[in-house]
Structure formats: C-alpha cells, structure tokens
C-alpha atoms as a PDB file:
ATOM      1  CA  UNK A   1     120.929  74.853 149.508  1.00  0.00           C
ATOM      2  CA  UNK A   2     122.406  72.677 146.791  1.00  0.00           C
ATOM      3  CA  UNK A   3     119.576  73.582 144.441  1.00  0.00           C
ATOM      4  CA  UNK A   4     120.177  77.277 144.988  1.00  0.00           C
ATOM      5  CA  UNK A   5     123.922  76.942 144.420  1.00  0.00           C
ATOM      6  CA  UNK A   6     123.307  74.820 141.320  1.00  0.00           C
ATOM      7  CA  UNK A   7     120.897  77.418 139.950  1.00  0.00           C
ATOM      8  CA  UNK A   8     123.370  80.247 140.707  1.00  0.00           C
ATOM      9  CA  UNK A   9     126.217  78.356 139.033  1.00  0.00           C
ATOM     10  CA  UNK A  10     123.986  77.582 136.052  1.00  0.00           C
ATOM     11  CA  UNK A  11     122.909  81.242 135.733  1.00  0.00           C
ATOM     12  CA  UNK A  12     126.491  82.439 136.121  1.00  0.00           C
ATOM     13  CA  UNK A  13     127.642  80.007 133.411  1.00  0.00           C
ATOM     14  CA  UNK A  14     124.753  81.019 131.172  1.00  0.00           C
ATOM     15  CA  UNK A  15     125.527  84.718 131.530  1.00  0.00           C
ATOM     16  CA  UNK A  16     129.264  84.121 131.078  1.00  0.00           C
ATOM     17  CA  UNK A  17     128.624  82.002 127.993  1.00  0.00           C
ATOM     18  CA  UNK A  18     126.316  84.646 126.510  1.00  0.00           C
ATOM     19  CA  UNK A  19     128.905  87.377 127.118  1.00  0.00           C
ATOM     20  CA  UNK A  20     131.719  85.309 125.643  1.00  0.00           C
ATOM     21  CA  UNK A  21     129.582  84.379 122.628  1.00  0.00           C
ATOM     22  CA  UNK A  22     128.705  88.025 122.055  1.00  0.00           C
ATOM     23  CA  UNK A  23     132.336  89.051 122.421  1.00  0.00           C
ATOM     24  CA  UNK A  24     133.610  86.468 119.930  1.00  0.00           C
ATOM     25  CA  UNK A  25     130.676  86.888 117.534  1.00  0.00           C
ATOM     26  CA  UNK A  26     131.248  90.651 117.331  1.00  0.00           C
ATOM     27  CA  UNK A  27     134.975  90.095 116.724  1.00  0.00           C
ATOM     28  CA  UNK A  28     134.225  87.564 113.974  1.00  0.00           C
ATOM     29  CA  UNK A  29     131.766  89.969 112.384  1.00  0.00           C
ATOM     30  CA  UNK A  30     134.247  92.816 112.638  1.00  0.00           C
ATOM     31  CA  UNK A  31     136.980  90.654 111.115  1.00  0.00           C
ATOM     32  CA  UNK A  32     134.658  89.759 108.244  1.00  0.00           C
ATOM     33  CA  UNK A  33     133.889  93.453 107.639  1.00  0.00           C
ATOM     34  CA  UNK A  34     137.585  94.343 107.757  1.00  0.00           C
ATOM     35  CA  UNK A  35     138.412  91.566 105.319  1.00  0.00           C
ATOM     36  CA  UNK A  36     135.727  92.813 102.939  1.00  0.00           C
ATOM     37  CA  UNK A  37     137.010  96.400 103.229  1.00  0.00           C
ATOM     38  CA  UNK A  38     140.564  95.191 102.569  1.00  0.00           C
ATOM     39  CA  UNK A  39     139.468  93.321  99.432  1.00  0.00           C
ATOM     40  CA  UNK A  40     137.637  96.413  98.157  1.00  0.00           C
ATOM     41  CA  UNK A  41     140.642  98.626  98.856  1.00  0.00           C
ATOM     42  CA  UNK A  42     142.985  96.225  97.065  1.00  0.00           C
ATOM     43  CA  UNK A  43     140.676  96.160  94.039  1.00  0.00           C
ATOM     44  CA  UNK A  44     140.531  99.979  93.989  1.00  0.00           C
ATOM     45  CA  UNK A  45     144.316 100.170  94.256  1.00  0.00           C
ATOM     46  CA  UNK A  46     144.803  97.716  91.398  1.00  0.00           C
ATOM     47  CA  UNK A  47     142.401  99.782  89.284  1.00  0.00           C
ATOM     48  CA  UNK A  48     144.297 102.952  90.224  1.00  0.00           C
ATOM     49  CA  UNK A  49     147.620 101.374  89.250  1.00  0.00           C
ATOM     50  CA  UNK A  50     146.162 100.351  85.896  1.00  0.00           C
ATOM     51  CA  UNK A  51     144.889 103.904  85.288  1.00  0.00           C
ATOM     52  CA  UNK A  52     148.288 105.374  86.167  1.00  0.00           C
ATOM     53  CA  UNK A  53     149.997 102.923  83.813  1.00  0.00           C
ATOM     54  CA  UNK A  54     147.611 103.810  80.968  1.00  0.00           C
ATOM     55  CA  UNK A  55     148.082 107.525  81.623  1.00  0.00           C
ATOM     56  CA  UNK A  56     151.864 107.358  81.430  1.00  0.00           C
ATOM     57  CA  UNK A  57     151.794 105.112  78.353  1.00  0.00           C
ATOM     58  CA  UNK A  58     149.535 107.608  76.564  1.00  0.00           C
ATOM     59  CA  UNK A  59     151.717 110.515  77.752  1.00  0.00           C
ATOM     60  CA  UNK A  60     154.822 108.804  76.364  1.00  0.00           C
ATOM     61  CA  UNK A  61     153.059 108.146  73.056  1.00  0.00           C
ATOM     62  CA  UNK A  62     151.912 111.784  72.794  1.00  0.00           C
ATOM     63  CA  UNK A  63     155.383 113.078  73.633  1.00  0.00           C
ATOM     64  CA  UNK A  64     156.793 110.807  70.938  1.00  0.00           C
ATOM     65  CA  UNK A  65     154.313 112.233  68.437  1.00  0.00           C
ATOM     66  CA  UNK A  66     155.165 115.763  69.584  1.00  0.00           C
ATOM     67  CA  UNK A  67     158.871 115.088  69.116  1.00  0.00           C
ATOM     68  CA  UNK A  68     158.254 113.644  65.661  1.00  0.00           C
ATOM     69  CA  UNK A  69     156.108 116.657  64.683  1.00  0.00           C
ATOM     70  CA  UNK A  70     158.752 119.059  65.974  1.00  0.00           C
ATOM     71  CA  UNK A  71     161.386 117.210  63.967  1.00  0.00           C
ATOM     72  CA  UNK A  72     159.227 117.397  60.828  1.00  0.00           C
ATOM     73  CA  UNK A  73     158.622 121.146  61.311  1.00  0.00           C
ATOM     74  CA  UNK A  74     162.339 121.710  61.836  1.00  0.00           C
ATOM     75  CA  UNK A  75     163.134 119.705  58.712  1.00  0.00           C
ATOM     76  CA  UNK A  76     160.513 121.647  56.713  1.00  0.00           C
ATOM     77  CA  UNK A  77     161.903 125.005  57.867  1.00  0.00           C
ATOM     78  CA  UNK A  78     165.441 123.897  57.141  1.00  0.00           C
ATOM     79  CA  UNK A  79     164.554 122.766  53.624  1.00  0.00           C
ATOM     80  CA  UNK A  80     162.663 126.019  53.023  1.00  0.00           C
ATOM     81  CA  UNK A  81     165.632 128.028  54.220  1.00  0.00           C
ATOM     82  CA  UNK A  82     167.923 126.108  51.897  1.00  0.00           C
ATOM     83  CA  UNK A  83     165.733 126.485  48.839  1.00  0.00           C
ATOM     84  CA  UNK A  84     164.368 130.012  49.378  1.00  0.00           C
ATOM     85  CA  UNK A  85     167.354 131.913  50.800  1.00  0.00           C
ATOM     86  CA  UNK A  86     170.245 133.498  48.951  1.00  0.00           C
ATOM     87  CA  UNK A  87     173.541 131.701  49.310  1.00  0.00           C
ATOM     88  CA  UNK A  88     175.253 134.078  51.825  1.00  0.00           C
ATOM     89  CA  UNK A  89     172.099 134.394  53.931  1.00  0.00           C
ATOM     90  CA  UNK A  90     171.624 130.645  53.753  1.00  0.00           C
ATOM     91  CA  UNK A  91     175.110 130.005  55.112  1.00  0.00           C
ATOM     92  CA  UNK A  92     174.600 132.489  57.958  1.00  0.00           C
ATOM     93  CA  UNK A  93     171.202 130.996  58.782  1.00  0.00           C
ATOM     94  CA  UNK A  94     172.540 127.461  58.859  1.00  0.00           C
ATOM     95  CA  UNK A  95     175.566 128.490  60.935  1.00  0.00           C
ATOM     96  CA  UNK A  96     173.335 130.348  63.444  1.00  0.00           C
ATOM     97  CA  UNK A  97     170.869 127.487  63.465  1.00  0.00           C
ATOM     98  CA  UNK A  98     173.560 124.958  64.352  1.00  0.00           C
ATOM     99  CA  UNK A  99     174.892 127.192  67.137  1.00  0.00           C
ATOM    100  CA  UNK A 100     171.437 127.724  68.650  1.00  0.00           C
ATOM    101  CA  UNK A 101     170.285 124.135  68.557  1.00  0.00           C
ATOM    102  CA  UNK A 102     170.083 122.688  72.071  1.00  0.00           C
ATOM    103  CA  UNK A 103     172.427 119.840  72.786  1.00  0.00           C
ATOM    104  CA  UNK A 104     172.642 117.710  75.915  1.00  0.00           C
ATOM    105  CA  UNK A 105     175.801 119.623  76.935  1.00  0.00           C
ATOM    106  CA  UNK A 106     174.273 123.076  76.275  1.00  0.00           C
ATOM    107  CA  UNK A 107     170.877 122.271  77.716  1.00  0.00           C
ATOM    108  CA  UNK A 108     170.040 124.480  80.676  1.00  0.00           C
ATOM    109  CA  UNK A 109     167.298 122.168  81.901  1.00  0.00           C
ATOM    110  CA  UNK A 110     167.498 122.051  85.712  1.00  0.00           C
ATOM    111  CA  UNK A 111     166.300 118.448  85.812  1.00  0.00           C
END
C-alpha cells in the first residue's frame, strides 16, 4: 500500500508541477509579447510625434512666407496707387484703404 500511495503522490505532484509550469510559462511568454508590443507602440508614437512636429513647423514656415508675400503684394499695390493715380483719387484710395484694413480690434474672426 505504501508503494501505491507513493506512486499516486508522485503522479499528483508531477501533474501539478506540469500544470503550474505551463501556467507560469504561458504568463511569462504573454508578458514578453506584451512588452514587445508596448515597445513597438512607443516607437510608433515617438515617430508620430516627430511627424506632427515637422508638419506644424513647415506649416508655420509656409504661413510666414504667405504673410510676407501678402505684405509685398500690398506694398506693391500701394506704391502703384501712389505713383499711377491722380492726386484726389490717390487721397480717396489711401483713406479708403486705411479704413478697410483689418486690425485686431476690427477683426471679425470668431477664433
């Protein structure tokens, strides 16, 4: 009877050990996969942040160029109006131009 009980205890321990090993091995494998997925996601996010930063830097640069071009066109039109218009028309044009120029106080921008 002692041999049978020893064999049963041994088999029970063997089965329990195999189940516990499988349980912990799967969890370790799953943790490794999750860690790898986290690292990949963090790398993708860092790349995304860099792309967003580059996009907004380029947008700011292009808006600066647009503003400069607009200023140059306005200056060109103003100089043309001064040199090509008759004196009374020139004064009316400049007076109307100053009244119609947007200012921060007059701006109707909803933002």
